[in-house]
């Protein structure tokens, strides 16, 4: 058996680090950030731990509140 599925992917780990650092810089509690992003506090915890979440829109809302943009092809195309 492999623990690969239990470990965050490199992308999830990078996003987790960015989200956690931005939340601390902004002095947001998990509860405040979740209210501003209109997500359950568990979403913030999962994101900061690098765990996958089913609702990509929730991740995007959290990142928007924090002033972050994911490094993804989808966002680069929207910038045109």
PDB file of N, CA and C in Angstrom:
ATOM      1  N   UNK A   1       0.829  -1.175   0.000  1.00  0.00           N
ATOM      2  CA  UNK A   1       0.000   0.000   0.000  1.00  0.00           C
ATOM      3  C   UNK A   1       0.875   1.241   0.000  1.00  0.00           C
ATOM      4  N   UNK A   2       0.370   2.320  -0.624  1.00  0.00           N
ATOM      5  CA  UNK A   2       1.135   3.559  -0.730  1.00  0.00           C
ATOM      6  C   UNK A   2       0.466   4.671   0.063  1.00  0.00           C
ATOM      7  N   UNK A   3       1.295   5.498   0.647  1.00  0.00           N
ATOM      8  CA  UNK A   3       0.781   6.673   1.354  1.00  0.00           C
ATOM      9  C   UNK A   3       0.667   7.867   0.424  1.00  0.00           C
ATOM     10  N   UNK A   4       0.915   7.674  -0.861  1.00  0.00           N
ATOM     11  CA  UNK A   4       0.937   8.764  -1.813  1.00  0.00           C
ATOM     12  C   UNK A   4      -0.369   9.549  -1.798  1.00  0.00           C
ATOM     13  N   UNK A   5      -1.506   8.891  -1.703  1.00  0.00           N
ATOM     14  CA  UNK A   5      -2.787   9.576  -1.713  1.00  0.00           C
ATOM     15  C   UNK A   5      -3.001  10.417  -0.459  1.00  0.00           C
ATOM     16  N   UNK A   6      -2.309  10.091   0.626  1.00  0.00           N
ATOM     17  CA  UNK A   6      -2.477  10.816   1.877  1.00  0.00           C
ATOM     18  C   UNK A   6      -1.605  12.066   1.965  1.00  0.00           C
ATOM     19  N   UNK A   7      -0.591  12.164   1.119  1.00  0.00           N
ATOM     20  CA  UNK A   7       0.325  13.287   1.176  1.00  0.00           C
ATOM     21  C   UNK A   7      -0.139  14.378   0.211  1.00  0.00           C
ATOM     22  N   UNK A   8       0.019  15.649   0.604  1.00  0.00           N
ATOM     23  CA  UNK A   8      -0.373  16.724  -0.308  1.00  0.00           C
ATOM     24  C   UNK A   8       0.510  16.730  -1.539  1.00  0.00           C
ATOM     25  N   UNK A   9      -0.085  17.096  -2.674  1.00  0.00           N
ATOM     26  CA  UNK A   9       0.709  17.221  -3.888  1.00  0.00           C
ATOM     27  C   UNK A   9       1.590  18.450  -3.760  1.00  0.00           C
ATOM     28  N   UNK A  10       2.566  18.551  -4.638  1.00  0.00           N
ATOM     29  CA  UNK A  10       3.459  19.702  -4.617  1.00  0.00           C
ATOM     30  C   UNK A  10       2.671  20.990  -4.804  1.00  0.00           C
ATOM     31  N   UNK A  11       1.691  20.977  -5.717  1.00  0.00           N
ATOM     32  CA  UNK A  11       0.875  22.160  -5.956  1.00  0.00           C
ATOM     33  C   UNK A  11       0.064  22.505  -4.716  1.00  0.00           C
ATOM     34  N   UNK A  12      -0.580  21.507  -4.110  1.00  0.00           N
ATOM     35  CA  UNK A  12      -1.359  21.758  -2.898  1.00  0.00           C
ATOM     36  C   UNK A  12      -0.471  22.278  -1.775  1.00  0.00           C
ATOM     37  N   UNK A  13       0.724  21.741  -1.645  1.00  0.00           N
ATOM     38  CA  UNK A  13       1.641  22.192  -0.598  1.00  0.00           C
ATOM     39  C   UNK A  13       2.062  23.634  -0.835  1.00  0.00           C
ATOM     40  N   UNK A  14       2.312  24.000  -2.079  1.00  0.00           N
ATOM     41  CA  UNK A  14       2.706  25.371  -2.399  1.00  0.00           C
ATOM     42  C   UNK A  14       1.558  26.336  -2.116  1.00  0.00           C
ATOM     43  N   UNK A  15       0.366  25.963  -2.505  1.00  0.00           N
ATOM     44  CA  UNK A  15      -0.811  26.806  -2.243  1.00  0.00           C
ATOM     45  C   UNK A  15      -1.052  26.904  -0.744  1.00  0.00           C
ATOM     46  N   UNK A  16      -0.894  25.804  -0.032  1.00  0.00           N
ATOM     47  CA  UNK A  16      -1.085  25.795   1.424  1.00  0.00           C
ATOM     48  C   UNK A  16      -0.157  26.794   2.092  1.00  0.00           C
ATOM     49  N   UNK A  17       1.097  26.798   1.685  1.00  0.00           N
ATOM     50  CA  UNK A  17       2.081  27.709   2.256  1.00  0.00           C
ATOM     51  C   UNK A  17       1.709  29.157   1.971  1.00  0.00           C
ATOM     52  N   UNK A  18       1.297  29.431   0.735  1.00  0.00           N
ATOM     53  CA  UNK A  18       0.921  30.801   0.360  1.00  0.00           C
ATOM     54  C   UNK A  18      -0.305  31.270   1.130  1.00  0.00           C
ATOM     55  N   UNK A  19      -1.311  30.406   1.251  1.00  0.00           N
ATOM     56  CA  UNK A  19      -2.543  30.783   1.947  1.00  0.00           C
ATOM     57  C   UNK A  19      -2.269  31.035   3.421  1.00  0.00           C
ATOM     58  N   UNK A  20      -1.527  30.128   4.047  1.00  0.00           N
ATOM     59  CA  UNK A  20      -1.243  30.284   5.476  1.00  0.00           C
ATOM     60  C   UNK A  20      -0.455  31.565   5.741  1.00  0.00           C
ATOM     61  N   UNK A  21       0.572  31.818   4.945  1.00  0.00           N
ATOM     62  CA  UNK A  21       1.395  33.014   5.130  1.00  0.00           C
ATOM     63  C   UNK A  21       0.572  34.286   4.922  1.00  0.00           C
ATOM     64  N   UNK A  22      -0.280  34.293   3.901  1.00  0.00           N
ATOM     65  CA  UNK A  22      -1.097  35.479   3.627  1.00  0.00           C
ATOM     66  C   UNK A  22      -2.125  35.693   4.737  1.00  0.00           C
ATOM     67  N   UNK A  23      -2.675  34.618   5.275  1.00  0.00           N
ATOM     68  CA  UNK A  23      -3.639  34.760   6.372  1.00  0.00           C
ATOM     69  C   UNK A  23      -2.961  35.364   7.597  1.00  0.00           C
ATOM     70  N   UNK A  24      -1.752  34.911   7.896  1.00  0.00           N
ATOM     71  CA  UNK A  24      -1.017  35.462   9.037  1.00  0.00           C
ATOM     72  C   UNK A  24      -0.624  36.917   8.795  1.00  0.00           C
ATOM     73  N   UNK A  25      -0.157  37.231   7.583  1.00  0.00           N
ATOM     74  CA  UNK A  25       0.204  38.624   7.261  1.00  0.00           C
ATOM     75  C   UNK A  25      -0.988  39.554   7.419  1.00  0.00           C
ATOM     76  N   UNK A  26      -2.161  39.071   7.014  1.00  0.00           N
ATOM     77  CA  UNK A  26      -3.373  39.875   7.103  1.00  0.00           C
ATOM     78  C   UNK A  26      -4.016  39.846   8.474  1.00  0.00           C
ATOM     79  N   UNK A  27      -3.460  39.063   9.377  1.00  0.00           N
ATOM     80  CA  UNK A  27      -3.971  38.913  10.750  1.00  0.00           C
ATOM     81  C   UNK A  27      -5.418  38.445  10.773  1.00  0.00           C
ATOM     82  N   UNK A  28      -5.765  37.553   9.828  1.00  0.00           N
ATOM     83  CA  UNK A  28      -7.098  36.969   9.790  1.00  0.00           C
ATOM     84  C   UNK A  28      -7.135  35.717  10.651  1.00  0.00           C
ATOM     85  N   UNK A  29      -8.161  35.580  11.446  1.00  0.00           N
ATOM     86  CA  UNK A  29      -8.403  34.289  12.087  1.00  0.00           C
ATOM     87  C   UNK A  29      -9.025  33.379  11.035  1.00  0.00           C
ATOM     88  N   UNK A  30      -9.027  32.100  11.290  1.00  0.00           N
ATOM     89  CA  UNK A  30      -9.676  31.164  10.370  1.00  0.00           C
ATOM     90  C   UNK A  30     -11.153  31.512  10.239  1.00  0.00           C
ATOM     91  N   UNK A  31     -11.789  31.863  11.342  1.00  0.00           N
ATOM     92  CA  UNK A  31     -13.215  32.175  11.326  1.00  0.00           C
ATOM     93  C   UNK A  31     -13.501  33.434  10.508  1.00  0.00           C
ATOM     94  N   UNK A  32     -12.673  34.466  10.664  1.00  0.00           N
ATOM     95  CA  UNK A  32     -12.877  35.703   9.911  1.00  0.00           C
ATOM     96  C   UNK A  32     -12.675  35.468   8.421  1.00  0.00           C
ATOM     97  N   UNK A  33     -11.590  34.775   8.072  1.00  0.00           N
ATOM     98  CA  UNK A  33     -11.320  34.493   6.666  1.00  0.00           C
ATOM     99  C   UNK A  33     -12.435  33.658   6.057  1.00  0.00           C
ATOM    100  N   UNK A  34     -12.912  32.669   6.784  1.00  0.00           N
ATOM    101  CA  UNK A  34     -13.979  31.832   6.236  1.00  0.00           C
ATOM    102  C   UNK A  34     -15.253  32.640   6.026  1.00  0.00           C
ATOM    103  N   UNK A  35     -15.553  33.582   6.922  1.00  0.00           N
ATOM    104  CA  UNK A  35     -16.740  34.427   6.757  1.00  0.00           C
ATOM    105  C   UNK A  35     -16.583  35.339   5.540  1.00  0.00           C
ATOM    106  N   UNK A  36     -15.417  35.951   5.387  1.00  0.00           N
ATOM    107  CA  UNK A  36     -15.181  36.849   4.256  1.00  0.00           C
ATOM    108  C   UNK A  36     -15.226  36.113   2.919  1.00  0.00           C
ATOM    109  N   UNK A  37     -14.708  34.886   2.893  1.00  0.00           N
ATOM    110  CA  UNK A  37     -14.677  34.088   1.663  1.00  0.00           C
ATOM    111  C   UNK A  37     -15.950  33.265   1.471  1.00  0.00           C
ATOM    112  N   UNK A  38     -16.833  33.302   2.449  1.00  0.00           N
ATOM    113  CA  UNK A  38     -18.088  32.558   2.420  1.00  0.00           C
ATOM    114  C   UNK A  38     -17.855  31.055   2.221  1.00  0.00           C
ATOM    115  N   UNK A  39     -16.949  30.530   3.062  1.00  0.00           N
ATOM    116  CA  UNK A  39     -16.666  29.097   3.066  1.00  0.00           C
ATOM    117  C   UNK A  39     -16.702  28.603   4.501  1.00  0.00           C
ATOM    118  N   UNK A  40     -16.820  27.311   4.665  1.00  0.00           N
ATOM    119  CA  UNK A  40     -16.770  26.700   5.983  1.00  0.00           C
ATOM    120  C   UNK A  40     -15.343  26.811   6.528  1.00  0.00           C
ATOM    121  N   UNK A  41     -15.172  27.057   7.828  1.00  0.00           N
ATOM    122  CA  UNK A  41     -13.813  27.124   8.389  1.00  0.00           C
ATOM    123  C   UNK A  41     -12.969  25.889   8.085  1.00  0.00           C
ATOM    124  N   UNK A  42     -13.599  24.745   7.954  1.00  0.00           N
ATOM    125  CA  UNK A  42     -12.861  23.512   7.633  1.00  0.00           C
ATOM    126  C   UNK A  42     -12.159  23.630   6.284  1.00  0.00           C
ATOM    127  N   UNK A  43     -12.712  24.401   5.356  1.00  0.00           N
ATOM    128  CA  UNK A  43     -12.068  24.603   4.053  1.00  0.00           C
ATOM    129  C   UNK A  43     -10.720  25.298   4.244  1.00  0.00           C
ATOM    130  N   UNK A  44     -10.680  26.300   5.115  1.00  0.00           N
ATOM    131  CA  UNK A  44      -9.431  27.013   5.383  1.00  0.00           C
ATOM    132  C   UNK A  44      -8.406  26.052   5.979  1.00  0.00           C
ATOM    133  N   UNK A  45      -8.841  25.264   6.934  1.00  0.00           N
ATOM    134  CA  UNK A  45      -7.935  24.299   7.575  1.00  0.00           C
ATOM    135  C   UNK A  45      -7.403  23.311   6.550  1.00  0.00           C
ATOM    136  N   UNK A  46      -8.276  22.783   5.710  1.00  0.00           N
ATOM    137  CA  UNK A  46      -7.844  21.818   4.692  1.00  0.00           C
ATOM    138  C   UNK A  46      -6.865  22.468   3.710  1.00  0.00           C
ATOM    139  N   UNK A  47      -7.170  23.682   3.281  1.00  0.00           N
ATOM    140  CA  UNK A  47      -6.274  24.374   2.351  1.00  0.00           C
ATOM    141  C   UNK A  47      -4.905  24.599   2.972  1.00  0.00           C
ATOM    142  N   UNK A  48      -4.878  25.027   4.220  1.00  0.00           N
ATOM    143  CA  UNK A  48      -3.596  25.301   4.878  1.00  0.00           C
ATOM    144  C   UNK A  48      -2.815  24.028   5.175  1.00  0.00           C
ATOM    145  N   UNK A  49      -3.494  22.907   5.227  1.00  0.00           N
ATOM    146  CA  UNK A  49      -2.811  21.623   5.447  1.00  0.00           C
ATOM    147  C   UNK A  49      -2.441  20.944   4.135  1.00  0.00           C
ATOM    148  N   UNK A  50      -2.789  21.561   3.015  1.00  0.00           N
ATOM    149  CA  UNK A  50      -2.467  20.981   1.711  1.00  0.00           C
ATOM    150  C   UNK A  50      -3.383  19.857   1.294  1.00  0.00           C
ATOM    151  N   UNK A  51      -4.499  19.709   2.000  1.00  0.00           N
ATOM    152  CA  UNK A  51      -5.455  18.658   1.657  1.00  0.00           C
ATOM    153  C   UNK A  51      -6.315  19.119   0.482  1.00  0.00           C
ATOM    154  N   UNK A  52      -6.667  18.207  -0.399  1.00  0.00           N
ATOM    155  CA  UNK A  52      -7.520  18.598  -1.523  1.00  0.00           C
ATOM    156  C   UNK A  52      -8.922  18.947  -1.044  1.00  0.00           C
ATOM    157  N   UNK A  53      -9.561  19.857  -1.770  1.00  0.00           N
ATOM    158  CA  UNK A  53     -10.955  20.187  -1.486  1.00  0.00           C
ATOM    159  C   UNK A  53     -11.739  20.012  -2.779  1.00  0.00           C
ATOM    160  N   UNK A  54     -12.994  19.661  -2.645  1.00  0.00           N
ATOM    161  CA  UNK A  54     -13.822  19.382  -3.809  1.00  0.00           C
ATOM    162  C   UNK A  54     -14.245  20.659  -4.538  1.00  0.00           C
ATOM    163  N   UNK A  55     -14.413  21.754  -3.816  1.00  0.00           N
ATOM    164  CA  UNK A  55     -14.926  22.997  -4.384  1.00  0.00           C
ATOM    165  C   UNK A  55     -13.784  23.946  -4.725  1.00  0.00           C
ATOM    166  N   UNK A  56     -13.377  23.947  -5.982  1.00  0.00           N
ATOM    167  CA  UNK A  56     -12.288  24.813  -6.419  1.00  0.00           C
ATOM    168  C   UNK A  56     -12.698  26.278  -6.272  1.00  0.00           C
ATOM    169  N   UNK A  57     -13.979  26.566  -6.431  1.00  0.00           N
ATOM    170  CA  UNK A  57     -14.467  27.930  -6.259  1.00  0.00           C
ATOM    171  C   UNK A  57     -14.220  28.444  -4.854  1.00  0.00           C
ATOM    172  N   UNK A  58     -14.326  27.561  -3.865  1.00  0.00           N
ATOM    173  CA  UNK A  58     -14.059  27.946  -2.479  1.00  0.00           C
ATOM    174  C   UNK A  58     -12.595  28.348  -2.328  1.00  0.00           C
ATOM    175  N   UNK A  59     -11.705  27.568  -2.924  1.00  0.00           N
ATOM    176  CA  UNK A  59     -10.279  27.912  -2.879  1.00  0.00           C
ATOM    177  C   UNK A  59     -10.032  29.266  -3.527  1.00  0.00           C
ATOM    178  N   UNK A  60     -10.666  29.503  -4.662  1.00  0.00           N
ATOM    179  CA  UNK A  60     -10.485  30.760  -5.367  1.00  0.00           C
ATOM    180  C   UNK A  60     -11.004  31.942  -4.544  1.00  0.00           C
ATOM    181  N   UNK A  61     -12.134  31.759  -3.846  1.00  0.00           N
ATOM    182  CA  UNK A  61     -12.668  32.837  -3.009  1.00  0.00           C
ATOM    183  C   UNK A  61     -11.730  33.154  -1.849  1.00  0.00           C
ATOM    184  N   UNK A  62     -11.163  32.127  -1.241  1.00  0.00           N
ATOM    185  CA  UNK A  62     -10.206  32.329  -0.150  1.00  0.00           C
ATOM    186  C   UNK A  62      -8.994  33.091  -0.670  1.00  0.00           C
ATOM    187  N   UNK A  63      -8.477  32.668  -1.812  1.00  0.00           N
ATOM    188  CA  UNK A  63      -7.304  33.321  -2.375  1.00  0.00           C
ATOM    189  C   UNK A  63      -7.610  34.753  -2.778  1.00  0.00           C
ATOM    190  N   UNK A  64      -8.813  35.010  -3.286  1.00  0.00           N
ATOM    191  CA  UNK A  64      -9.207  36.372  -3.650  1.00  0.00           C
ATOM    192  C   UNK A  64      -9.208  37.282  -2.427  1.00  0.00           C
ATOM    193  N   UNK A  65      -9.785  36.810  -1.326  1.00  0.00           N
ATOM    194  CA  UNK A  65      -9.822  37.615  -0.101  1.00  0.00           C
ATOM    195  C   UNK A  65      -8.409  37.940   0.359  1.00  0.00           C
ATOM    196  N   UNK A  66      -7.505  36.997   0.202  1.00  0.00           N
ATOM    197  CA  UNK A  66      -6.126  37.184   0.640  1.00  0.00           C
ATOM    198  C   UNK A  66      -5.271  37.931  -0.374  1.00  0.00           C
ATOM    199  N   UNK A  67      -5.840  38.234  -1.536  1.00  0.00           N
ATOM    200  CA  UNK A  67      -5.098  38.946  -2.568  1.00  0.00           C
ATOM    201  C   UNK A  67      -4.117  38.068  -3.313  1.00  0.00           C
ATOM    202  N   UNK A  68      -4.376  36.767  -3.319  1.00  0.00           N
ATOM    203  CA  UNK A  68      -3.500  35.814  -4.000  1.00  0.00           C
ATOM    204  C   UNK A  68      -4.129  35.370  -5.307  1.00  0.00           C
ATOM    205  N   UNK A  69      -3.278  34.987  -6.235  1.00  0.00           N
ATOM    206  CA  UNK A  69      -3.750  34.408  -7.491  1.00  0.00           C
ATOM    207  C   UNK A  69      -3.032  33.087  -7.698  1.00  0.00           C
ATOM    208  N   UNK A  70      -3.791  32.046  -7.959  1.00  0.00           N
ATOM    209  CA  UNK A  70      -3.131  30.756  -8.214  1.00  0.00           C
ATOM    210  C   UNK A  70      -2.289  30.825  -9.485  1.00  0.00           C
ATOM    211  N   UNK A  71      -1.177  30.139  -9.477  1.00  0.00           N
ATOM    212  CA  UNK A  71      -0.319  30.068 -10.667  1.00  0.00           C
ATOM    213  C   UNK A  71      -0.844  28.959 -11.555  1.00  0.00           C
ATOM    214  N   UNK A  72      -1.889  29.255 -12.276  1.00  0.00           N
ATOM    215  CA  UNK A  72      -2.481  28.221 -13.120  1.00  0.00           C
ATOM    216  C   UNK A  72      -2.759  28.771 -14.507  1.00  0.00           C
ATOM    217  N   UNK A  73      -2.851  27.890 -15.458  1.00  0.00           N
ATOM    218  CA  UNK A  73      -3.133  28.231 -16.847  1.00  0.00           C
ATOM    219  C   UNK A  73      -4.465  28.968 -16.944  1.00  0.00           C
ATOM    220  N   UNK A  74      -5.427  28.547 -16.177  1.00  0.00           N
ATOM    221  CA  UNK A  74      -6.761  29.143 -16.222  1.00  0.00           C
ATOM    222  C   UNK A  74      -6.680  30.633 -15.905  1.00  0.00           C
ATOM    223  N   UNK A  75      -5.936  31.034 -14.903  1.00  0.00           N
ATOM    224  CA  UNK A  75      -5.837  32.440 -14.526  1.00  0.00           C
ATOM    225  C   UNK A  75      -4.999  33.228 -15.528  1.00  0.00           C
ATOM    226  N   UNK A  76      -3.965  32.635 -16.083  1.00  0.00           N
ATOM    227  CA  UNK A  76      -3.157  33.358 -17.073  1.00  0.00           C
ATOM    228  C   UNK A  76      -4.007  33.692 -18.287  1.00  0.00           C
ATOM    229  N   UNK A  77      -4.891  32.791 -18.704  1.00  0.00           N
ATOM    230  CA  UNK A  77      -5.749  33.047 -19.854  1.00  0.00           C
ATOM    231  C   UNK A  77      -6.754  34.144 -19.554  1.00  0.00           C
ATOM    232  N   UNK A  78      -7.200  34.274 -18.330  1.00  0.00           N
ATOM    233  CA  UNK A  78      -8.175  35.295 -17.977  1.00  0.00           C
ATOM    234  C   UNK A  78      -7.547  36.677 -17.970  1.00  0.00           C
ATOM    235  N   UNK A  79      -6.233  36.782 -17.868  1.00  0.00           N
ATOM    236  CA  UNK A  79      -5.557  38.061 -17.802  1.00  0.00           C
ATOM    237  C   UNK A  79      -5.399  38.725 -19.161  1.00  0.00           C
ATOM    238  N   UNK A  80      -5.736  38.047 -20.220  1.00  0.00           N
ATOM    239  CA  UNK A  80      -5.558  38.616 -21.562  1.00  0.00           C
ATOM    240  C   UNK A  80      -6.508  39.748 -21.811  1.00  0.00           C
TER     241      UNK A  80
END
